[in-house]
N, C-alpha and C. Protein backbone atom coordinates (compact mmCIF):
# COMPACT_ATOMS: atom_id res chain seq x y z
N MET A 1 -23.46 -5.50 17.84
CA MET A 1 -22.46 -6.39 17.15
C MET A 1 -22.17 -7.42 18.26
N SER A 2 -22.25 -8.66 17.88
CA SER A 2 -21.92 -9.73 18.86
C SER A 2 -20.49 -9.76 19.16
N GLY A 3 -20.06 -10.49 20.19
CA GLY A 3 -18.69 -10.62 20.64
C GLY A 3 -17.94 -11.24 19.53
N LEU A 4 -18.54 -12.29 18.73
CA LEU A 4 -17.69 -13.06 17.80
C LEU A 4 -17.51 -12.15 16.56
N ALA A 5 -18.54 -11.28 16.18
CA ALA A 5 -18.28 -10.35 15.12
C ALA A 5 -17.26 -9.26 15.38
N ARG A 6 -17.29 -8.73 16.68
CA ARG A 6 -16.14 -7.76 17.00
C ARG A 6 -14.84 -8.42 16.93
N LYS A 7 -14.73 -9.58 17.39
CA LYS A 7 -13.45 -10.38 17.34
C LYS A 7 -13.08 -10.62 15.96
N PHE A 8 -13.90 -11.00 15.02
CA PHE A 8 -13.57 -11.02 13.60
C PHE A 8 -13.05 -9.81 13.07
N ALA A 9 -13.91 -8.75 13.26
CA ALA A 9 -13.50 -7.42 12.75
C ALA A 9 -12.17 -6.97 13.22
N SER A 10 -11.81 -7.22 14.60
CA SER A 10 -10.61 -6.68 15.01
C SER A 10 -9.49 -7.60 14.46
N VAL A 11 -9.72 -8.87 14.21
CA VAL A 11 -8.66 -9.66 13.64
C VAL A 11 -8.40 -9.19 12.33
N ARG A 12 -9.31 -8.89 11.46
CA ARG A 12 -9.16 -8.41 10.13
C ARG A 12 -8.41 -7.18 10.08
N LEU A 13 -8.80 -6.32 10.90
CA LEU A 13 -8.10 -4.88 11.00
C LEU A 13 -6.69 -5.07 11.45
N ILE A 14 -6.38 -6.08 12.32
CA ILE A 14 -4.94 -6.25 12.73
C ILE A 14 -4.29 -6.93 11.55
N ARG A 15 -4.82 -7.91 10.85
CA ARG A 15 -4.16 -8.32 9.66
C ARG A 15 -3.98 -7.34 8.60
N PHE A 16 -4.94 -6.52 8.41
CA PHE A 16 -4.81 -5.39 7.44
C PHE A 16 -3.69 -4.46 7.78
N ALA A 17 -3.44 -4.18 9.01
CA ALA A 17 -2.31 -3.30 9.58
C ALA A 17 -1.01 -4.04 9.43
N VAL A 18 -0.96 -5.42 9.77
CA VAL A 18 0.22 -6.14 9.76
C VAL A 18 0.74 -6.12 8.33
N VAL A 19 -0.06 -6.42 7.25
CA VAL A 19 0.23 -6.46 5.83
C VAL A 19 0.62 -5.09 5.32
N GLY A 20 -0.27 -4.13 5.85
CA GLY A 20 0.15 -2.73 5.49
C GLY A 20 1.57 -2.24 5.82
N ILE A 21 1.62 -2.54 7.11
CA ILE A 21 2.94 -2.10 7.63
C ILE A 21 4.14 -2.91 7.03
N GLY A 22 3.89 -4.23 6.82
CA GLY A 22 4.96 -4.85 6.12
C GLY A 22 5.26 -4.31 4.70
N ALA A 23 4.12 -4.08 3.89
CA ALA A 23 4.33 -3.47 2.67
C ALA A 23 4.86 -2.08 2.61
N ALA A 24 4.56 -1.37 3.80
CA ALA A 24 5.14 -0.04 3.84
C ALA A 24 6.67 -0.12 4.10
N LEU A 25 6.99 -1.06 4.97
CA LEU A 25 8.43 -1.22 5.30
C LEU A 25 9.23 -1.76 4.04
N LEU A 26 8.50 -2.62 3.39
CA LEU A 26 9.12 -3.10 2.12
C LEU A 26 9.34 -1.88 1.09
N PHE A 27 8.30 -1.10 1.05
CA PHE A 27 8.45 0.06 0.01
C PHE A 27 9.38 1.16 0.64
N PHE A 28 9.38 1.30 1.96
CA PHE A 28 10.34 2.29 2.51
C PHE A 28 11.78 1.83 2.18
N GLY A 29 12.12 0.57 2.55
CA GLY A 29 13.61 0.04 2.34
C GLY A 29 13.90 0.15 0.82
N LEU A 30 12.99 -0.36 0.02
CA LEU A 30 13.45 -0.32 -1.52
C LEU A 30 13.53 0.99 -1.98
N SER A 31 12.61 1.90 -1.64
CA SER A 31 12.68 3.36 -2.12
C SER A 31 13.98 3.97 -1.73
N TRP A 32 14.24 3.76 -0.41
CA TRP A 32 15.51 4.47 0.08
C TRP A 32 16.85 3.90 -0.64
N ALA A 33 16.69 2.54 -0.80
CA ALA A 33 17.93 1.84 -1.46
C ALA A 33 18.02 2.26 -3.02
N LEU A 34 16.91 2.36 -3.59
CA LEU A 34 17.01 2.56 -4.96
C LEU A 34 17.49 4.07 -5.24
N VAL A 35 16.91 4.92 -4.45
CA VAL A 35 17.26 6.46 -4.59
C VAL A 35 18.63 6.66 -4.08
N SER A 36 19.00 5.98 -3.13
CA SER A 36 20.34 6.06 -2.58
C SER A 36 21.39 5.51 -3.71
N ALA A 37 21.02 4.53 -4.39
CA ALA A 37 21.79 3.97 -5.26
C ALA A 37 21.91 4.89 -6.69
N GLY A 38 21.00 5.99 -6.71
CA GLY A 38 21.29 6.96 -7.82
C GLY A 38 20.02 7.02 -8.57
N LEU A 39 19.03 6.37 -8.58
CA LEU A 39 17.81 6.48 -9.31
C LEU A 39 17.20 7.77 -8.99
N PRO A 40 16.52 8.37 -10.03
CA PRO A 40 15.69 9.63 -9.64
C PRO A 40 14.65 9.24 -8.52
N PRO A 41 14.20 10.20 -7.70
CA PRO A 41 13.26 9.75 -6.69
C PRO A 41 11.89 9.30 -7.22
N PHE A 42 11.42 9.91 -8.35
CA PHE A 42 10.17 9.37 -8.86
C PHE A 42 10.33 7.97 -9.31
N VAL A 43 11.28 7.57 -10.07
CA VAL A 43 11.65 6.28 -10.70
C VAL A 43 11.78 5.26 -9.60
N GLY A 44 12.72 5.56 -8.62
CA GLY A 44 12.92 4.66 -7.39
C GLY A 44 11.70 4.48 -6.61
N SER A 45 10.99 5.47 -6.38
CA SER A 45 9.69 5.11 -5.60
C SER A 45 8.55 4.40 -6.37
N VAL A 46 8.44 4.50 -7.61
CA VAL A 46 7.47 3.78 -8.38
C VAL A 46 7.95 2.44 -8.54
N ILE A 47 9.12 2.09 -8.82
CA ILE A 47 9.69 0.69 -8.86
C ILE A 47 9.47 0.01 -7.39
N ALA A 48 9.79 0.59 -6.41
CA ALA A 48 9.58 0.10 -5.00
C ALA A 48 8.19 -0.20 -4.84
N TYR A 49 7.32 0.73 -5.24
CA TYR A 49 5.86 0.49 -5.20
C TYR A 49 5.42 -0.77 -5.87
N GLY A 50 5.84 -0.82 -7.09
CA GLY A 50 5.45 -2.01 -7.94
C GLY A 50 5.96 -3.34 -7.20
N LEU A 51 7.09 -3.53 -6.66
CA LEU A 51 7.34 -4.70 -5.99
C LEU A 51 6.59 -4.86 -4.88
N ALA A 52 6.33 -3.96 -3.99
CA ALA A 52 5.55 -3.97 -2.69
C ALA A 52 4.04 -4.30 -3.11
N PHE A 53 3.59 -3.94 -4.19
CA PHE A 53 2.27 -4.26 -4.77
C PHE A 53 2.01 -5.65 -4.84
N VAL A 54 2.78 -6.48 -5.32
CA VAL A 54 2.73 -7.90 -5.55
C VAL A 54 2.59 -8.66 -4.27
N VAL A 55 3.46 -8.28 -3.27
CA VAL A 55 3.35 -8.75 -2.05
C VAL A 55 2.18 -8.34 -1.17
N ALA A 56 1.93 -7.07 -1.33
CA ALA A 56 0.68 -6.53 -0.49
C ALA A 56 -0.58 -7.22 -1.00
N TYR A 57 -0.89 -7.21 -2.38
CA TYR A 57 -2.10 -7.77 -2.90
C TYR A 57 -2.35 -9.28 -2.49
N SER A 58 -1.30 -9.97 -2.68
CA SER A 58 -1.37 -11.38 -2.32
C SER A 58 -1.79 -11.58 -0.88
N ALA A 59 -1.15 -10.90 0.08
CA ALA A 59 -1.30 -10.97 1.41
C ALA A 59 -2.62 -10.40 1.83
N GLN A 60 -3.01 -9.24 1.28
CA GLN A 60 -4.30 -8.62 1.71
C GLN A 60 -5.50 -9.51 1.30
N ARG A 61 -5.42 -10.01 -0.05
CA ARG A 61 -6.55 -10.85 -0.50
C ARG A 61 -6.62 -12.26 0.18
N GLY A 62 -5.37 -12.80 0.25
CA GLY A 62 -5.37 -14.19 0.69
C GLY A 62 -5.33 -14.32 2.28
N TRP A 63 -4.81 -13.45 2.99
CA TRP A 63 -4.68 -13.60 4.52
C TRP A 63 -5.72 -12.63 5.11
N THR A 64 -5.56 -11.38 4.80
CA THR A 64 -6.52 -10.43 5.54
C THR A 64 -7.93 -10.64 5.32
N PHE A 65 -8.30 -10.85 3.96
CA PHE A 65 -9.74 -11.08 3.51
C PHE A 65 -10.03 -12.46 3.10
N GLU A 66 -9.04 -13.45 3.50
CA GLU A 66 -9.06 -14.69 3.40
C GLU A 66 -9.74 -15.27 2.04
N GLY A 67 -9.13 -14.74 1.00
CA GLY A 67 -9.45 -15.08 -0.48
C GLY A 67 -10.89 -15.08 -0.79
N ARG A 68 -11.72 -14.24 -0.16
CA ARG A 68 -12.99 -14.30 -0.49
C ARG A 68 -13.47 -13.29 -1.53
N HIS A 69 -12.57 -12.48 -2.10
CA HIS A 69 -12.90 -11.52 -3.02
C HIS A 69 -12.44 -12.04 -4.38
N ASP A 70 -13.20 -12.11 -5.38
CA ASP A 70 -12.86 -12.67 -6.73
C ASP A 70 -11.73 -11.80 -7.31
N HIS A 71 -10.71 -12.42 -7.88
CA HIS A 71 -9.66 -11.69 -8.43
C HIS A 71 -10.09 -10.85 -9.60
N ALA A 72 -11.10 -11.42 -10.44
CA ALA A 72 -11.70 -10.52 -11.49
C ALA A 72 -12.10 -9.26 -11.06
N HIS A 73 -12.63 -9.03 -9.88
CA HIS A 73 -13.20 -7.84 -9.32
C HIS A 73 -12.05 -7.11 -8.33
N ALA A 74 -11.44 -7.89 -7.51
CA ALA A 74 -10.59 -7.12 -6.59
C ALA A 74 -9.25 -6.83 -7.18
N LEU A 75 -8.57 -7.61 -8.04
CA LEU A 75 -7.40 -7.24 -8.55
C LEU A 75 -7.43 -5.93 -9.49
N PRO A 76 -8.33 -5.74 -10.43
CA PRO A 76 -8.18 -4.54 -11.07
C PRO A 76 -8.47 -3.18 -10.18
N ARG A 77 -9.42 -3.49 -9.36
CA ARG A 77 -9.63 -2.36 -8.24
C ARG A 77 -8.23 -2.03 -7.47
N TYR A 78 -7.55 -3.13 -7.02
CA TYR A 78 -6.46 -2.93 -6.39
C TYR A 78 -5.29 -2.32 -7.12
N LEU A 79 -5.26 -2.72 -8.42
CA LEU A 79 -4.28 -2.35 -9.32
C LEU A 79 -4.50 -0.81 -9.55
N VAL A 80 -5.75 -0.33 -9.84
CA VAL A 80 -6.10 1.14 -9.89
C VAL A 80 -5.73 1.74 -8.71
N THR A 81 -5.99 1.27 -7.51
CA THR A 81 -5.71 1.96 -6.19
C THR A 81 -4.23 2.16 -6.15
N GLN A 82 -3.51 1.17 -6.30
CA GLN A 82 -1.97 1.15 -6.12
C GLN A 82 -1.33 1.91 -7.30
N LEU A 83 -1.91 2.08 -8.45
CA LEU A 83 -1.26 2.95 -9.45
C LEU A 83 -1.48 4.31 -9.05
N ALA A 84 -2.68 4.63 -8.64
CA ALA A 84 -2.89 6.08 -8.06
C ALA A 84 -1.96 6.35 -6.95
N CYS A 85 -1.81 5.23 -6.07
CA CYS A 85 -0.90 5.49 -4.84
C CYS A 85 0.62 5.57 -5.21
N ALA A 86 1.00 4.89 -6.35
CA ALA A 86 2.33 4.79 -6.79
C ALA A 86 2.61 6.24 -7.42
N THR A 87 1.69 6.65 -8.15
CA THR A 87 1.83 8.06 -8.72
C THR A 87 1.99 9.20 -7.67
N PHE A 88 1.03 8.97 -6.63
CA PHE A 88 1.06 9.99 -5.43
C PHE A 88 2.39 9.78 -4.75
N ALA A 89 2.87 8.55 -4.59
CA ALA A 89 4.15 8.53 -3.99
C ALA A 89 5.29 9.02 -4.62
N GLY A 90 5.30 8.89 -6.03
CA GLY A 90 6.30 9.51 -6.84
C GLY A 90 6.29 10.97 -6.89
N LEU A 91 5.15 11.52 -6.98
CA LEU A 91 5.01 13.00 -6.78
C LEU A 91 5.30 13.47 -5.44
N SER A 92 4.97 12.93 -4.38
CA SER A 92 5.44 13.22 -3.17
C SER A 92 6.98 13.20 -2.88
N ALA A 93 7.58 12.12 -3.48
CA ALA A 93 9.00 12.06 -3.46
C ALA A 93 9.74 13.26 -4.22
N HIS A 94 9.22 13.45 -5.38
CA HIS A 94 9.72 14.59 -6.19
C HIS A 94 9.69 15.93 -5.52
N VAL A 95 8.54 16.05 -4.88
CA VAL A 95 8.22 17.53 -4.22
C VAL A 95 9.19 17.45 -3.02
N ALA A 96 9.23 16.34 -2.28
CA ALA A 96 10.22 16.26 -1.02
C ALA A 96 11.58 16.65 -1.28
N VAL A 97 11.94 16.07 -2.52
CA VAL A 97 13.39 16.19 -2.88
C VAL A 97 13.71 17.58 -3.53
N SER A 98 12.92 17.92 -4.52
CA SER A 98 13.16 19.06 -5.34
C SER A 98 12.85 20.34 -4.69
N ILE A 99 11.72 20.43 -3.96
CA ILE A 99 11.25 21.61 -3.41
C ILE A 99 11.82 21.70 -1.85
N PHE A 100 11.82 20.68 -1.20
CA PHE A 100 12.31 20.72 0.22
C PHE A 100 13.61 20.26 0.54
N SER A 101 14.38 19.72 -0.55
CA SER A 101 15.77 19.22 -0.44
C SER A 101 15.83 18.09 0.56
N ALA A 102 14.87 17.28 0.73
CA ALA A 102 14.75 16.12 1.70
C ALA A 102 15.85 15.08 1.29
N SER A 103 16.51 14.44 2.33
CA SER A 103 17.42 13.41 2.10
C SER A 103 16.53 12.14 1.59
N PRO A 104 17.14 11.20 1.10
CA PRO A 104 16.46 10.02 0.75
C PRO A 104 15.66 9.44 1.92
N LEU A 105 16.19 9.34 3.18
CA LEU A 105 15.60 8.87 4.33
C LEU A 105 14.30 9.69 4.58
N VAL A 106 14.35 10.97 4.62
CA VAL A 106 13.16 11.73 4.92
C VAL A 106 12.11 11.69 3.70
N MET A 107 12.67 11.71 2.43
CA MET A 107 11.67 11.44 1.42
C MET A 107 11.09 10.00 1.40
N SER A 108 11.75 8.96 1.87
CA SER A 108 11.06 7.82 1.95
C SER A 108 10.06 7.74 3.05
N ALA A 109 10.37 8.42 4.22
CA ALA A 109 9.35 8.57 5.23
C ALA A 109 8.12 9.29 4.83
N ILE A 110 8.21 10.39 4.27
CA ILE A 110 7.01 11.07 3.74
C ILE A 110 6.14 10.34 2.65
N THR A 111 6.91 9.82 1.76
CA THR A 111 6.12 8.97 0.60
C THR A 111 5.48 7.72 1.33
N THR A 112 5.98 7.18 2.16
CA THR A 112 5.50 5.95 2.78
C THR A 112 4.27 6.28 3.60
N VAL A 113 4.40 7.27 4.37
CA VAL A 113 3.16 7.74 5.27
C VAL A 113 2.02 8.14 4.26
N ALA A 114 2.29 9.00 3.33
CA ALA A 114 1.32 9.51 2.44
C ALA A 114 0.61 8.36 1.66
N ALA A 115 1.45 7.58 1.11
CA ALA A 115 0.77 6.41 0.12
C ALA A 115 0.17 5.45 0.99
N SER A 116 0.69 5.11 2.09
CA SER A 116 0.12 4.00 2.99
C SER A 116 -1.29 4.64 3.51
N ALA A 117 -1.50 5.70 3.82
CA ALA A 117 -2.83 6.32 4.37
C ALA A 117 -3.76 6.25 3.11
N ALA A 118 -3.44 6.74 1.96
CA ALA A 118 -4.27 6.65 0.80
C ALA A 118 -4.67 5.17 0.48
N SER A 119 -3.60 4.33 0.43
CA SER A 119 -3.96 3.04 0.06
C SER A 119 -4.95 2.30 1.20
N TYR A 120 -4.74 2.62 2.45
CA TYR A 120 -5.65 1.97 3.45
C TYR A 120 -7.04 2.37 3.23
N VAL A 121 -7.29 3.65 2.92
CA VAL A 121 -8.56 4.21 2.83
C VAL A 121 -9.22 3.52 1.52
N LEU A 122 -8.61 3.66 0.35
CA LEU A 122 -9.10 3.01 -0.80
C LEU A 122 -9.37 1.65 -0.83
N SER A 123 -8.49 0.91 -0.04
CA SER A 123 -8.71 -0.46 -0.05
C SER A 123 -9.97 -0.90 0.76
N LEU A 124 -9.99 -0.26 1.93
CA LEU A 124 -11.13 -0.53 2.85
C LEU A 124 -12.45 -0.13 2.23
N VAL A 125 -12.58 0.94 1.71
CA VAL A 125 -13.85 1.35 1.16
C VAL A 125 -14.21 1.11 -0.28
N TRP A 126 -13.31 0.64 -0.96
CA TRP A 126 -13.63 0.31 -2.42
C TRP A 126 -13.12 -1.12 -2.80
N VAL A 127 -11.79 -1.41 -2.61
CA VAL A 127 -11.28 -2.72 -3.16
C VAL A 127 -11.73 -3.93 -2.52
N PHE A 128 -11.76 -4.02 -1.16
CA PHE A 128 -12.08 -5.16 -0.56
C PHE A 128 -13.44 -4.90 0.36
N ARG A 129 -14.34 -4.17 -0.08
CA ARG A 129 -15.53 -4.06 0.59
C ARG A 129 -16.33 -5.26 0.98
N ASP A 130 -16.80 -5.43 2.16
CA ASP A 130 -17.51 -6.70 2.38
C ASP A 130 -18.66 -7.06 1.51
N ASP A 131 -19.31 -6.11 0.84
CA ASP A 131 -20.39 -6.52 0.09
C ASP A 131 -19.88 -6.86 -1.35
N GLN A 132 -18.56 -6.83 -1.55
CA GLN A 132 -18.00 -7.25 -2.79
C GLN A 132 -17.39 -8.77 -2.81
N ARG A 133 -17.69 -9.47 -1.78
CA ARG A 133 -17.16 -10.80 -1.60
C ARG A 133 -17.84 -11.83 -2.52
N ALA A 134 -17.04 -12.62 -3.05
CA ALA A 134 -17.52 -13.64 -4.03
C ALA A 134 -18.30 -14.68 -3.18
N ALA A 135 -19.28 -15.38 -3.87
CA ALA A 135 -20.24 -16.26 -3.17
C ALA A 135 -19.51 -17.55 -2.79
């Protein structure tokens, strides 16, 4: 791999991480606030995930991957990925609270880490694969 290719790959990875961390922090804060305000853990986490979804997709497609993936292809895959991750986050939140009696703060940390890891892997290998870029 040439030096230029390595530099590009590392920049994309850094951008992916920045967007992912930003979306995770947004999700963390929103899920904590919504559950602390009295919403059930599953509902609060899913709502928070939906709001973070809009921000994350826009930034990942537009900034991380420089708008090279066709919305008609990338958006449905991103939506499926994030719906699966939102459900996973909701189930993780429910288990954390109902089985382990986790506080909203601990619950938010657990769901953030679990959902973020799943989202990263699926986005990298399925949603925004290099061979799926629009011409």
